[in-house]
Amino acid sequence: MATITKRKSGKWQAKVRRLGQPATSKSFQTKEDAEKWARAIEREMDTHSYVANDTAKKTLMKDVLERYRDEVLPRLSKGALPDKSRINRLIEEFGGLTLAALDTSHAAAFRDKRLYTEEAAPQTVKRELGLLNRVLKACSIDWGIHLPRGLVTEMIRKPTLPPGRDRRLEAGEEERLLEAARASRSNEIEPMIIIALETAARRGEILNMRWKYVDLKKRTWRIPETKTGVPRNAPLSTRAIEVLRTLKKNERIDGRVWDLKREDGVTQAFDRICRPTVTVKGKKKKVDKFPNLHFHDLRHEATSRLFEKGFNIMEVASITGHRDLSMLRRYTHLRAEDLAERLK
């Protein structure tokens, strides 16, 4: 039976106890409301459909977001550095809400504000919502906190992503790019470009290359730290081996392959090649010699070339490190004229 008592404040408190169930209580303005609530809770307990959500009512979003940041992120690849800044944005937006109060309207309002008021990229907003979804899953699955409204992030529309970039090197463009790299002030950007085209590796993976992970005899390169957190072994083409053997002659004492240490340094060196600064009539301006070309496009190009060489999708994925095959498709752009040749 439920216990209904009047408190000093004038409110009526209903307390329900059942064997095998946690005691639960709630206060109301009238005795009638307290009795109605108690009967409803007793019915749920009797039919084994009652789920306690007191913890969700008492727990702030700020607390679970900080717990996820401190306990979960450090276990992920490189501490999931980008997620730390996303956590701060989520705390700013949702920190004052309790887990029980968070609903779809809050998540949808955040999505729209980021997209239309702050003009964040759709992919950025999707990642932020994805992080919020992972935090809520951790609450429900790992920390035993019942979410009375469920995973609200799975019940809202996600931002529509724009088409993937389809920039590929045109005929003769690779030769001109390498020629410009040789003439640049960086003596490492040319071999980096070749390694990118031959391995489809990411910029950061190339930059962190160590000689102890390169086996020139077996023609393999071990990549221990990747974006996905899953190490992989990349095969090395004859061209890649030639470049690495040349670099091996001047091996650094610290075991690194490159003098460059920062990813933005690679980006800047590549940008100087593609968009050099020239002086025209006494004024300096940038000339776009390779329109709309970014260093990451070399990964797109290399991935597409692997398919054109006849590798199947699983073989390509093992080389590039893609775990999501739908994402691999976004990175792959086959030329229609090359496919037409194979139809003859």
C-alpha atoms as a PDB file:
ATOM      1  CA  MET A   1       0.000   0.000   0.000  1.00  0.00           C
ATOM      2  CA  ALA A   2       1.077   3.548  -0.645  1.00  0.00           C
ATOM      3  CA  THR A   3       1.663   5.964   2.214  1.00  0.00           C
ATOM      4  CA  ILE A   4       0.151   9.426   1.832  1.00  0.00           C
ATOM      5  CA  THR A   5       1.331  12.079   4.308  1.00  0.00           C
ATOM      6  CA  LYS A   6       0.916  15.824   4.613  1.00  0.00           C
ATOM      7  CA  ARG A   7       4.169  17.715   4.969  1.00  0.00           C
ATOM      8  CA  LYS A   8       4.865  20.931   6.879  1.00  0.00           C
ATOM      9  CA  SER A   9       4.967  22.801   3.580  1.00  0.00           C
ATOM     10  CA  GLY A  10       1.316  21.910   3.037  1.00  0.00           C
ATOM     11  CA  LYS A  11       2.083  19.533   0.154  1.00  0.00           C
ATOM     12  CA  TRP A  12       1.029  15.879   0.107  1.00  0.00           C
ATOM     13  CA  GLN A  13       3.739  13.259  -0.284  1.00  0.00           C
ATOM     14  CA  ALA A  14       2.973   9.859  -1.784  1.00  0.00           C
ATOM     15  CA  LYS A  15       5.451   7.064  -1.075  1.00  0.00           C
ATOM     16  CA  VAL A  16       5.186   3.661  -2.747  1.00  0.00           C
ATOM     17  CA  ARG A  17       7.051   0.537  -1.592  1.00  0.00           C
ATOM     18  CA  ARG A  18       6.954  -2.899  -3.187  1.00  0.00           C
ATOM     19  CA  LEU A  19       9.096  -5.949  -2.473  1.00  0.00           C
ATOM     20  CA  GLY A  20      11.895  -6.150  -5.012  1.00  0.00           C
ATOM     21  CA  GLN A  21      11.333  -2.577  -6.203  1.00  0.00           C
ATOM     22  CA  PRO A  22      13.086   0.633  -5.143  1.00  0.00           C
ATOM     23  CA  ALA A  23      10.963   2.890  -2.958  1.00  0.00           C
ATOM     24  CA  THR A  24       9.747   5.964  -4.796  1.00  0.00           C
ATOM     25  CA  SER A  25       8.026   9.127  -3.685  1.00  0.00           C
ATOM     26  CA  LYS A  26       6.641  12.357  -5.064  1.00  0.00           C
ATOM     27  CA  SER A  27       4.968  15.463  -3.662  1.00  0.00           C
ATOM     28  CA  PHE A  28       1.709  17.047  -4.870  1.00  0.00           C
ATOM     29  CA  GLN A  29      -0.430  20.066  -4.085  1.00  0.00           C
ATOM     30  CA  THR A  30      -3.522  17.954  -3.330  1.00  0.00           C
ATOM     31  CA  LYS A  31      -4.117  14.623  -1.626  1.00  0.00           C
ATOM     32  CA  GLU A  32      -6.208  13.466  -4.584  1.00  0.00           C
ATOM     33  CA  ASP A  33      -3.320  13.941  -7.024  1.00  0.00           C
ATOM     34  CA  ALA A  34      -0.971  12.082  -4.673  1.00  0.00           C
ATOM     35  CA  GLU A  35      -3.364   9.124  -4.458  1.00  0.00           C
ATOM     36  CA  LYS A  36      -3.832   8.987  -8.241  1.00  0.00           C
ATOM     37  CA  TRP A  37      -0.077   8.967  -8.805  1.00  0.00           C
ATOM     38  CA  ALA A  38       0.456   6.271  -6.167  1.00  0.00           C
ATOM     39  CA  ARG A  39      -2.187   3.987  -7.719  1.00  0.00           C
ATOM     40  CA  ALA A  40      -0.615   4.413 -11.162  1.00  0.00           C
ATOM     41  CA  ILE A  41       2.860   3.543  -9.843  1.00  0.00           C
ATOM     42  CA  GLU A  42       1.506   0.502  -7.979  1.00  0.00           C
ATOM     43  CA  ARG A  43      -0.130  -0.782 -11.180  1.00  0.00           C
ATOM     44  CA  GLU A  44       3.159  -0.424 -13.056  1.00  0.00           C
ATOM     45  CA  MET A  45       5.029  -2.276 -10.291  1.00  0.00           C
ATOM     46  CA  ASP A  46       2.417  -5.043 -10.184  1.00  0.00           C
ATOM     47  CA  THR A  47       2.650  -5.552 -13.954  1.00  0.00           C
ATOM     48  CA  HIS A  48       6.467  -5.306 -13.901  1.00  0.00           C
ATOM     49  CA  SER A  49       6.430  -2.321 -16.244  1.00  0.00           C
ATOM     50  CA  TYR A  50       7.709   0.216 -13.723  1.00  0.00           C
ATOM     51  CA  VAL A  51      11.104   1.748 -14.423  1.00  0.00           C
ATOM     52  CA  ALA A  52      12.633   4.147 -11.903  1.00  0.00           C
ATOM     53  CA  ASN A  53      13.845   7.396 -13.472  1.00  0.00           C
ATOM     54  CA  ASP A  54      14.808   9.274 -10.321  1.00  0.00           C
ATOM     55  CA  THR A  55      18.474   9.327 -11.345  1.00  0.00           C
ATOM     56  CA  ALA A  56      17.663  10.934 -14.678  1.00  0.00           C
ATOM     57  CA  LYS A  57      15.635  13.602 -12.885  1.00  0.00           C
ATOM     58  CA  LYS A  58      18.501  14.441 -10.554  1.00  0.00           C
ATOM     59  CA  THR A  59      21.375  14.266 -13.052  1.00  0.00           C
ATOM     60  CA  LEU A  60      22.385  17.306 -15.088  1.00  0.00           C
ATOM     61  CA  MET A  61      23.540  16.992 -18.680  1.00  0.00           C
ATOM     62  CA  LYS A  62      26.651  18.915 -17.647  1.00  0.00           C
ATOM     63  CA  ASP A  63      27.618  16.106 -15.278  1.00  0.00           C
ATOM     64  CA  VAL A  64      27.252  13.267 -17.792  1.00  0.00           C
ATOM     65  CA  LEU A  65      28.999  15.235 -20.555  1.00  0.00           C
ATOM     66  CA  GLU A  66      31.958  15.937 -18.263  1.00  0.00           C
ATOM     67  CA  ARG A  67      32.016  12.294 -17.143  1.00  0.00           C
ATOM     68  CA  TYR A  68      32.121  11.141 -20.768  1.00  0.00           C
ATOM     69  CA  ARG A  69      34.928  13.627 -21.473  1.00  0.00           C
ATOM     70  CA  ASP A  70      36.994  12.478 -18.501  1.00  0.00           C
ATOM     71  CA  GLU A  71      36.325   8.721 -18.569  1.00  0.00           C
ATOM     72  CA  VAL A  72      35.577   7.740 -22.163  1.00  0.00           C
ATOM     73  CA  LEU A  73      37.466  10.130 -24.458  1.00  0.00           C
ATOM     74  CA  PRO A  74      40.930   9.304 -23.041  1.00  0.00           C
ATOM     75  CA  ARG A  75      40.409   5.669 -24.075  1.00  0.00           C
ATOM     76  CA  LEU A  76      39.757   6.604 -27.693  1.00  0.00           C
ATOM     77  CA  SER A  77      42.333   7.157 -30.455  1.00  0.00           C
ATOM     78  CA  LYS A  78      44.485  10.224 -29.627  1.00  0.00           C
ATOM     79  CA  GLY A  79      42.053  11.041 -26.855  1.00  0.00           C
ATOM     80  CA  ALA A  80      39.474  11.995 -29.508  1.00  0.00           C
ATOM     81  CA  LEU A  81      40.823  15.557 -29.453  1.00  0.00           C
ATOM     82  CA  PRO A  82      38.121  17.126 -31.673  1.00  0.00           C
ATOM     83  CA  ASP A  83      35.432  15.701 -29.378  1.00  0.00           C
ATOM     84  CA  LYS A  84      36.726  17.698 -26.417  1.00  0.00           C
ATOM     85  CA  SER A  85      35.769  20.985 -28.035  1.00  0.00           C
ATOM     86  CA  ARG A  86      32.438  19.485 -29.104  1.00  0.00           C
ATOM     87  CA  ILE A  87      31.778  18.436 -25.497  1.00  0.00           C
ATOM     88  CA  ASN A  88      32.266  22.060 -24.410  1.00  0.00           C
ATOM     89  CA  ARG A  89      29.729  23.242 -26.987  1.00  0.00           C
ATOM     90  CA  LEU A  90      27.216  20.624 -25.824  1.00  0.00           C
ATOM     91  CA  ILE A  91      27.726  21.640 -22.188  1.00  0.00           C
ATOM     92  CA  GLU A  92      27.057  25.250 -23.130  1.00  0.00           C
ATOM     93  CA  GLU A  93      23.844  24.255 -24.907  1.00  0.00           C
ATOM     94  CA  PHE A  94      22.418  21.482 -22.708  1.00  0.00           C
ATOM     95  CA  GLY A  95      24.390  21.625 -19.436  1.00  0.00           C
ATOM     96  CA  GLY A  96      21.578  23.101 -17.335  1.00  0.00           C
ATOM     97  CA  LEU A  97      19.004  20.462 -18.342  1.00  0.00           C
ATOM     98  CA  THR A  98      18.464  17.208 -16.503  1.00  0.00           C
ATOM     99  CA  LEU A  99      18.614  13.942 -18.411  1.00  0.00           C
ATOM    100  CA  ALA A 100      14.889  13.494 -17.824  1.00  0.00           C
ATOM    101  CA  ALA A 101      14.091  16.940 -19.233  1.00  0.00           C
ATOM    102  CA  LEU A 102      16.097  16.583 -22.444  1.00  0.00           C
ATOM    103  CA  ASP A 103      13.741  15.916 -25.364  1.00  0.00           C
ATOM    104  CA  THR A 104      13.704  16.056 -29.153  1.00  0.00           C
ATOM    105  CA  SER A 105      12.795  19.743 -29.234  1.00  0.00           C
ATOM    106  CA  HIS A 106      16.060  20.639 -27.490  1.00  0.00           C
ATOM    107  CA  ALA A 107      18.159  18.575 -29.901  1.00  0.00           C
ATOM    108  CA  ALA A 108      16.300  19.909 -32.952  1.00  0.00           C
ATOM    109  CA  ALA A 109      16.653  23.520 -31.760  1.00  0.00           C
ATOM    110  CA  PHE A 110      20.404  22.993 -31.318  1.00  0.00           C
ATOM    111  CA  ARG A 111      20.650  21.520 -34.825  1.00  0.00           C
ATOM    112  CA  ASP A 112      18.808  24.447 -36.408  1.00  0.00           C
ATOM    113  CA  LYS A 113      20.753  27.080 -34.484  1.00  0.00           C
ATOM    114  CA  ARG A 114      24.071  25.568 -35.547  1.00  0.00           C
ATOM    115  CA  LEU A 115      23.001  25.202 -39.184  1.00  0.00           C
ATOM    116  CA  TYR A 116      21.081  28.405 -39.849  1.00  0.00           C
ATOM    117  CA  THR A 117      22.134  30.951 -37.215  1.00  0.00           C
ATOM    118  CA  GLU A 118      25.778  30.027 -36.714  1.00  0.00           C
ATOM    119  CA  GLU A 119      26.125  28.604 -40.263  1.00  0.00           C
ATOM    120  CA  ALA A 120      28.121  25.559 -39.183  1.00  0.00           C
ATOM    121  CA  ALA A 121      28.812  22.931 -41.845  1.00  0.00           C
ATOM    122  CA  PRO A 122      26.277  20.053 -41.970  1.00  0.00           C
ATOM    123  CA  GLN A 123      29.044  17.514 -41.323  1.00  0.00           C
ATOM    124  CA  THR A 124      30.118  19.474 -38.229  1.00  0.00           C
ATOM    125  CA  VAL A 125      26.577  19.494 -36.839  1.00  0.00           C
ATOM    126  CA  LYS A 126      26.128  15.805 -37.614  1.00  0.00           C
ATOM    127  CA  ARG A 127      29.286  15.006 -35.643  1.00  0.00           C
ATOM    128  CA  GLU A 128      28.099  17.077 -32.695  1.00  0.00           C
ATOM    129  CA  LEU A 129      24.738  15.291 -32.647  1.00  0.00           C
ATOM    130  CA  GLY A 130      26.540  11.972 -33.013  1.00  0.00           C
ATOM    131  CA  LEU A 131      28.660  12.745 -29.964  1.00  0.00           C
ATOM    132  CA  LEU A 132      25.544  13.659 -27.964  1.00  0.00           C
ATOM    133  CA  ASN A 133      23.998  10.354 -29.039  1.00  0.00           C
ATOM    134  CA  ARG A 134      27.064   8.430 -27.827  1.00  0.00           C
ATOM    135  CA  VAL A 135      26.928  10.193 -24.462  1.00  0.00           C
ATOM    136  CA  LEU A 136      23.255   9.273 -24.023  1.00  0.00           C
ATOM    137  CA  LYS A 137      24.012   5.666 -24.971  1.00  0.00           C
ATOM    138  CA  ALA A 138      26.758   5.574 -22.347  1.00  0.00           C
ATOM    139  CA  CYS A 139      24.219   6.777 -19.770  1.00  0.00           C
ATOM    140  CA  SER A 140      21.744   4.068 -20.693  1.00  0.00           C
ATOM    141  CA  ILE A 141      24.036   1.116 -21.451  1.00  0.00           C
ATOM    142  CA  ASP A 142      27.164   1.647 -19.355  1.00  0.00           C
ATOM    143  CA  TRP A 143      26.064   3.796 -16.418  1.00  0.00           C
ATOM    144  CA  GLY A 144      22.632   2.291 -15.784  1.00  0.00           C
ATOM    145  CA  ILE A 145      20.670   5.529 -16.026  1.00  0.00           C
ATOM    146  CA  HIS A 146      17.198   5.033 -17.456  1.00  0.00           C
ATOM    147  CA  LEU A 147      16.313   7.703 -20.021  1.00  0.00           C
ATOM    148  CA  PRO A 148      12.537   8.241 -19.772  1.00  0.00           C
ATOM    149  CA  ARG A 149      12.439   9.923 -23.196  1.00  0.00           C
ATOM    150  CA  GLY A 150      14.763   7.411 -24.849  1.00  0.00           C
ATOM    151  CA  LEU A 151      17.582   8.389 -27.208  1.00  0.00           C
ATOM    152  CA  VAL A 152      16.166  11.710 -28.343  1.00  0.00           C
ATOM    153  CA  THR A 153      19.010  12.175 -30.839  1.00  0.00           C
ATOM    154  CA  GLU A 154      17.778   9.193 -32.838  1.00  0.00           C
ATOM    155  CA  MET A 155      14.320  10.718 -33.239  1.00  0.00           C
ATOM    156  CA  ILE A 156      15.285  13.939 -35.022  1.00  0.00           C
ATOM    157  CA  ARG A 157      16.216  14.568 -38.638  1.00  0.00           C
ATOM    158  CA  LYS A 158      19.961  14.728 -39.238  1.00  0.00           C
ATOM    159  CA  PRO A 159      21.520  17.426 -41.458  1.00  0.00           C
ATOM    160  CA  THR A 160      21.701  16.520 -45.134  1.00  0.00           C
ATOM    161  CA  LEU A 161      25.328  16.219 -46.164  1.00  0.00           C
ATOM    162  CA  PRO A 162      26.532  17.856 -49.385  1.00  0.00           C
ATOM    163  CA  PRO A 163      27.922  15.637 -52.155  1.00  0.00           C
ATOM    164  CA  GLY A 164      31.463  14.413 -51.527  1.00  0.00           C
ATOM    165  CA  ARG A 165      34.316  16.226 -53.226  1.00  0.00           C
ATOM    166  CA  ASP A 166      35.062  14.809 -56.658  1.00  0.00           C
ATOM    167  CA  ARG A 167      38.300  16.673 -57.438  1.00  0.00           C
ATOM    168  CA  ARG A 168      40.721  14.431 -59.314  1.00  0.00           C
ATOM    169  CA  LEU A 169      43.981  15.180 -61.044  1.00  0.00           C
ATOM    170  CA  GLU A 170      43.524  16.040 -64.699  1.00  0.00           C
ATOM    171  CA  ALA A 171      45.791  14.837 -67.507  1.00  0.00           C
ATOM    172  CA  GLY A 172      49.308  16.195 -66.994  1.00  0.00           C
ATOM    173  CA  GLU A 173      48.392  17.767 -63.674  1.00  0.00           C
ATOM    174  CA  GLU A 174      50.383  15.322 -61.547  1.00  0.00           C
ATOM    175  CA  GLU A 175      53.567  16.049 -63.498  1.00  0.00           C
ATOM    176  CA  ARG A 176      53.064  19.801 -63.156  1.00  0.00           C
ATOM    177  CA  LEU A 177      52.278  19.445 -59.456  1.00  0.00           C
ATOM    178  CA  LEU A 178      55.481  17.483 -58.789  1.00  0.00           C
ATOM    179  CA  GLU A 179      57.502  19.933 -60.863  1.00  0.00           C
ATOM    180  CA  ALA A 180      56.152  22.815 -58.795  1.00  0.00           C
ATOM    181  CA  ALA A 181      56.909  20.862 -55.616  1.00  0.00           C
ATOM    182  CA  ARG A 182      60.534  20.362 -56.663  1.00  0.00           C
ATOM    183  CA  ALA A 183      60.861  24.094 -57.279  1.00  0.00           C
ATOM    184  CA  SER A 184      59.316  25.018 -53.906  1.00  0.00           C
ATOM    185  CA  ARG A 185      61.285  25.888 -50.771  1.00  0.00           C
ATOM    186  CA  SER A 186      60.158  22.662 -49.093  1.00  0.00           C
ATOM    187  CA  ASN A 187      62.287  19.663 -49.976  1.00  0.00           C
ATOM    188  CA  GLU A 188      59.776  17.256 -48.427  1.00  0.00           C
ATOM    189  CA  ILE A 189      56.480  18.165 -50.077  1.00  0.00           C
ATOM    190  CA  GLU A 190      57.301  16.355 -53.358  1.00  0.00           C
ATOM    191  CA  PRO A 191      57.986  12.943 -51.743  1.00  0.00           C
ATOM    192  CA  MET A 192      54.973  13.474 -49.479  1.00  0.00           C
ATOM    193  CA  ILE A 193      52.758  13.994 -52.522  1.00  0.00           C
ATOM    194  CA  ILE A 194      54.087  10.798 -54.100  1.00  0.00           C
ATOM    195  CA  ILE A 195      53.555   8.779 -50.898  1.00  0.00           C
ATOM    196  CA  ALA A 196      50.001  10.162 -50.664  1.00  0.00           C
ATOM    197  CA  LEU A 197      49.229   9.150 -54.256  1.00  0.00           C
ATOM    198  CA  GLU A 198      50.777   5.696 -53.854  1.00  0.00           C
ATOM    199  CA  THR A 199      49.321   4.734 -50.456  1.00  0.00           C
ATOM    200  CA  ALA A 200      46.043   6.720 -50.116  1.00  0.00           C
ATOM    201  CA  ALA A 201      47.194   7.543 -46.574  1.00  0.00           C
ATOM    202  CA  ARG A 202      45.882  10.526 -44.659  1.00  0.00           C
ATOM    203  CA  ARG A 203      48.002  13.622 -44.113  1.00  0.00           C
ATOM    204  CA  GLY A 204      48.508  12.903 -40.408  1.00  0.00           C
ATOM    205  CA  GLU A 205      49.417   9.262 -41.073  1.00  0.00           C
ATOM    206  CA  ILE A 206      52.092  10.299 -43.556  1.00  0.00           C
ATOM    207  CA  LEU A 207      53.452  12.972 -41.233  1.00  0.00           C
ATOM    208  CA  ASN A 208      53.789  10.465 -38.358  1.00  0.00           C
ATOM    209  CA  MET A 209      55.609   7.857 -40.459  1.00  0.00           C
ATOM    210  CA  ARG A 210      58.542   6.224 -38.601  1.00  0.00           C
ATOM    211  CA  TRP A 211      61.308   4.095 -40.119  1.00  0.00           C
ATOM    212  CA  LYS A 212      60.744   1.343 -37.552  1.00  0.00           C
ATOM    213  CA  TYR A 213      57.321   0.774 -39.104  1.00  0.00           C
ATOM    214  CA  VAL A 214      58.573   0.676 -42.707  1.00  0.00           C
ATOM    215  CA  ASP A 215      59.741  -2.666 -44.108  1.00  0.00           C
ATOM    216  CA  LEU A 216      61.365  -2.014 -47.490  1.00  0.00           C
ATOM    217  CA  LYS A 217      61.981  -5.735 -48.109  1.00  0.00           C
ATOM    218  CA  LYS A 218      58.396  -6.809 -47.458  1.00  0.00           C
ATOM    219  CA  ARG A 219      57.149  -3.563 -49.019  1.00  0.00           C
ATOM    220  CA  THR A 220      54.826  -2.739 -46.132  1.00  0.00           C
ATOM    221  CA  TRP A 221      54.228   0.228 -43.849  1.00  0.00           C
ATOM    222  CA  ARG A 222      52.685  -0.273 -40.421  1.00  0.00           C
ATOM    223  CA  ILE A 223      50.365   2.616 -39.433  1.00  0.00           C
ATOM    224  CA  PRO A 224      49.814   2.204 -35.670  1.00  0.00           C
ATOM    225  CA  GLU A 225      47.734   5.360 -35.119  1.00  0.00           C
ATOM    226  CA  THR A 226      44.841   6.037 -37.456  1.00  0.00           C
ATOM    227  CA  LYS A 227      41.752   8.233 -37.522  1.00  0.00           C
ATOM    228  CA  THR A 228      39.536   5.227 -36.835  1.00  0.00           C
ATOM    229  CA  GLY A 229      41.736   3.955 -34.008  1.00  0.00           C
ATOM    230  CA  VAL A 230      42.419   0.685 -35.861  1.00  0.00           C
ATOM    231  CA  PRO A 231      46.086   0.103 -36.887  1.00  0.00           C
ATOM    232  CA  ARG A 232      46.704  -1.207 -40.391  1.00  0.00           C
ATOM    233  CA  ASN A 233      49.463  -2.400 -42.699  1.00  0.00           C
ATOM    234  CA  ALA A 234      49.673  -0.506 -45.993  1.00  0.00           C
ATOM    235  CA  PRO A 235      51.328  -2.113 -49.036  1.00  0.00           C
ATOM    236  CA  LEU A 236      54.021  -0.032 -50.746  1.00  0.00           C
ATOM    237  CA  SER A 237      54.226   0.262 -54.523  1.00  0.00           C
ATOM    238  CA  THR A 238      57.499   0.197 -56.430  1.00  0.00           C
ATOM    239  CA  ARG A 239      57.323   3.962 -56.802  1.00  0.00           C
ATOM    240  CA  ALA A 240      56.772   4.442 -53.061  1.00  0.00           C
ATOM    241  CA  ILE A 241      59.713   2.146 -52.284  1.00  0.00           C
ATOM    242  CA  GLU A 242      61.985   4.206 -54.558  1.00  0.00           C
ATOM    243  CA  VAL A 243      61.028   7.413 -52.768  1.00  0.00           C
ATOM    244  CA  LEU A 244      61.529   5.890 -49.330  1.00  0.00           C
ATOM    245  CA  ARG A 245      64.930   4.427 -50.237  1.00  0.00           C
ATOM    246  CA  THR A 246      66.060   7.882 -51.296  1.00  0.00           C
ATOM    247  CA  LEU A 247      64.857   9.344 -47.999  1.00  0.00           C
ATOM    248  CA  LYS A 248      66.435   6.464 -46.032  1.00  0.00           C
ATOM    249  CA  LYS A 249      69.889   7.661 -47.079  1.00  0.00           C
ATOM    250  CA  ASN A 250      69.417  10.713 -44.863  1.00  0.00           C
ATOM    251  CA  GLU A 251      67.695   8.912 -41.973  1.00  0.00           C
ATOM    252  CA  ARG A 252      67.058  11.126 -38.961  1.00  0.00           C
ATOM    253  CA  ILE A 253      68.417  10.136 -35.560  1.00  0.00           C
ATOM    254  CA  ASP A 254      64.930  10.318 -33.980  1.00  0.00           C
ATOM    255  CA  GLY A 255      63.538   7.724 -36.387  1.00  0.00           C
ATOM    256  CA  ARG A 256      61.077  10.100 -38.065  1.00  0.00           C
ATOM    257  CA  VAL A 257      60.855  10.030 -41.850  1.00  0.00           C
ATOM    258  CA  TRP A 258      60.105  13.744 -42.172  1.00  0.00           C
ATOM    259  CA  ASP A 259      61.472  16.964 -40.697  1.00  0.00           C
ATOM    260  CA  LEU A 260      57.964  18.448 -40.835  1.00  0.00           C
ATOM    261  CA  LYS A 261      56.094  17.832 -37.607  1.00  0.00           C
ATOM    262  CA  ARG A 262      52.806  19.738 -37.896  1.00  0.00           C
ATOM    263  CA  GLU A 263      49.882  18.928 -40.185  1.00  0.00           C
ATOM    264  CA  ASP A 264      49.233  22.576 -40.927  1.00  0.00           C
ATOM    265  CA  GLY A 265      52.865  22.803 -42.090  1.00  0.00           C
ATOM    266  CA  VAL A 266      52.093  20.215 -44.783  1.00  0.00           C
ATOM    267  CA  THR A 267      48.940  22.107 -45.746  1.00  0.00           C
ATOM    268  CA  GLN A 268      50.820  25.402 -46.026  1.00  0.00           C
ATOM    269  CA  ALA A 269      53.599  23.867 -48.121  1.00  0.00           C
ATOM    270  CA  PHE A 270      51.031  22.306 -50.456  1.00  0.00           C
ATOM    271  CA  ASP A 271      49.054  25.562 -50.660  1.00  0.00           C
ATOM    272  CA  ARG A 272      52.183  27.484 -51.672  1.00  0.00           C
ATOM    273  CA  ILE A 273      52.537  25.110 -54.609  1.00  0.00           C
ATOM    274  CA  CYS A 274      48.922  25.285 -55.721  1.00  0.00           C
ATOM    275  CA  ARG A 275      48.409  28.987 -55.019  1.00  0.00           C
ATOM    276  CA  PRO A 276      51.796  30.692 -55.127  1.00  0.00           C
ATOM    277  CA  THR A 277      52.194  34.396 -54.422  1.00  0.00           C
ATOM    278  CA  VAL A 278      53.498  36.431 -57.381  1.00  0.00           C
ATOM    279  CA  THR A 279      54.224  40.102 -57.851  1.00  0.00           C
ATOM    280  CA  VAL A 280      52.306  41.859 -60.616  1.00  0.00           C
ATOM    281  CA  LYS A 281      52.948  45.566 -61.198  1.00  0.00           C
ATOM    282  CA  GLY A 282      54.440  45.902 -57.748  1.00  0.00           C
ATOM    283  CA  LYS A 283      51.510  44.177 -56.016  1.00  0.00           C
ATOM    284  CA  LYS A 284      51.529  40.680 -54.528  1.00  0.00           C
ATOM    285  CA  LYS A 285      48.668  38.328 -55.279  1.00  0.00           C
ATOM    286  CA  LYS A 286      47.964  34.603 -55.241  1.00  0.00           C
ATOM    287  CA  VAL A 287      47.713  32.711 -58.514  1.00  0.00           C
ATOM    288  CA  ASP A 288      45.507  29.607 -58.507  1.00  0.00           C
ATOM    289  CA  LYS A 289      47.640  27.212 -60.579  1.00  0.00           C
ATOM    290  CA  PHE A 290      45.742  24.125 -59.442  1.00  0.00           C
ATOM    291  CA  PRO A 291      42.143  25.269 -58.907  1.00  0.00           C
ATOM    292  CA  ASN A 292      40.246  23.800 -55.952  1.00  0.00           C
ATOM    293  CA  LEU A 293      42.976  21.247 -55.173  1.00  0.00           C
ATOM    294  CA  HIS A 294      43.644  20.308 -51.536  1.00  0.00           C
ATOM    295  CA  PHE A 295      46.190  17.871 -50.112  1.00  0.00           C
ATOM    296  CA  HIS A 296      43.385  15.560 -48.961  1.00  0.00           C
ATOM    297  CA  ASP A 297      42.242  15.268 -52.592  1.00  0.00           C
ATOM    298  CA  LEU A 298      45.358  13.152 -53.178  1.00  0.00           C
ATOM    299  CA  ARG A 299      43.742  10.494 -50.966  1.00  0.00           C
ATOM    300  CA  HIS A 300      40.632  10.677 -53.165  1.00  0.00           C
ATOM    301  CA  GLU A 301      42.793  10.311 -56.257  1.00  0.00           C
ATOM    302  CA  ALA A 302      44.770   7.388 -54.849  1.00  0.00           C
ATOM    303  CA  THR A 303      41.613   5.570 -53.737  1.00  0.00           C
ATOM    304  CA  SER A 304      40.043   5.928 -57.158  1.00  0.00           C
ATOM    305  CA  ARG A 305      43.222   4.665 -58.821  1.00  0.00           C
ATOM    306  CA  LEU A 306      43.125   1.510 -56.685  1.00  0.00           C
ATOM    307  CA  PHE A 307      39.654   0.713 -58.021  1.00  0.00           C
ATOM    308  CA  GLU A 308      40.805   1.462 -61.568  1.00  0.00           C
ATOM    309  CA  LYS A 309      43.629  -1.044 -61.105  1.00  0.00           C
ATOM    310  CA  GLY A 310      41.047  -3.727 -60.389  1.00  0.00           C
ATOM    311  CA  PHE A 311      41.130  -4.003 -56.587  1.00  0.00           C
ATOM    312  CA  ASN A 312      37.778  -4.923 -55.038  1.00  0.00           C
ATOM    313  CA  ILE A 313      36.094  -2.828 -52.364  1.00  0.00           C
ATOM    314  CA  MET A 314      37.348  -4.906 -49.422  1.00  0.00           C
ATOM    315  CA  GLU A 315      40.914  -4.816 -50.709  1.00  0.00           C
ATOM    316  CA  VAL A 316      40.742  -1.058 -51.144  1.00  0.00           C
ATOM    317  CA  ALA A 317      39.267  -0.643 -47.662  1.00  0.00           C
ATOM    318  CA  SER A 318      42.133  -2.640 -46.150  1.00  0.00           C
ATOM    319  CA  ILE A 319      44.625  -0.311 -47.865  1.00  0.00           C
ATOM    320  CA  THR A 320      42.894   3.003 -47.141  1.00  0.00           C
ATOM    321  CA  GLY A 321      41.642   2.138 -43.653  1.00  0.00           C
ATOM    322  CA  HIS A 322      37.991   2.956 -44.338  1.00  0.00           C
ATOM    323  CA  ARG A 323      35.679   1.137 -41.920  1.00  0.00           C
ATOM    324  CA  ASP A 324      32.500   2.636 -43.339  1.00  0.00           C
ATOM    325  CA  LEU A 325      32.061   1.398 -46.898  1.00  0.00           C
ATOM    326  CA  SER A 326      29.498   4.114 -47.615  1.00  0.00           C
ATOM    327  CA  MET A 327      32.162   6.698 -46.752  1.00  0.00           C
ATOM    328  CA  LEU A 328      34.594   4.857 -49.028  1.00  0.00           C
ATOM    329  CA  ARG A 329      32.124   5.373 -51.856  1.00  0.00           C
ATOM    330  CA  ARG A 330      32.171   9.144 -51.183  1.00  0.00           C
ATOM    331  CA  TYR A 331      35.951   9.089 -51.571  1.00  0.00           C
ATOM    332  CA  THR A 332      35.861   7.194 -54.848  1.00  0.00           C
ATOM    333  CA  HIS A 333      35.384   8.933 -58.169  1.00  0.00           C
ATOM    334  CA  LEU A 334      35.846   6.784 -61.250  1.00  0.00           C
ATOM    335  CA  ARG A 335      36.114   8.442 -64.622  1.00  0.00           C
ATOM    336  CA  ALA A 336      33.350   7.413 -67.010  1.00  0.00           C
ATOM    337  CA  GLU A 337      35.793   7.318 -69.943  1.00  0.00           C
ATOM    338  CA  ASP A 338      38.015   4.826 -68.084  1.00  0.00           C
ATOM    339  CA  LEU A 339      35.029   2.608 -67.335  1.00  0.00           C
ATOM    340  CA  ALA A 340      33.997   2.813 -70.982  1.00  0.00           C
ATOM    341  CA  GLU A 341      37.383   1.420 -72.012  1.00  0.00           C
ATOM    342  CA  ARG A 342      36.734  -1.657 -69.907  1.00  0.00           C
ATOM    343  CA  LEU A 343      33.407  -2.229 -71.657  1.00  0.00           C
ATOM    344  CA  LYS A 344      35.061  -2.849 -75.042  1.00  0.00           C
END
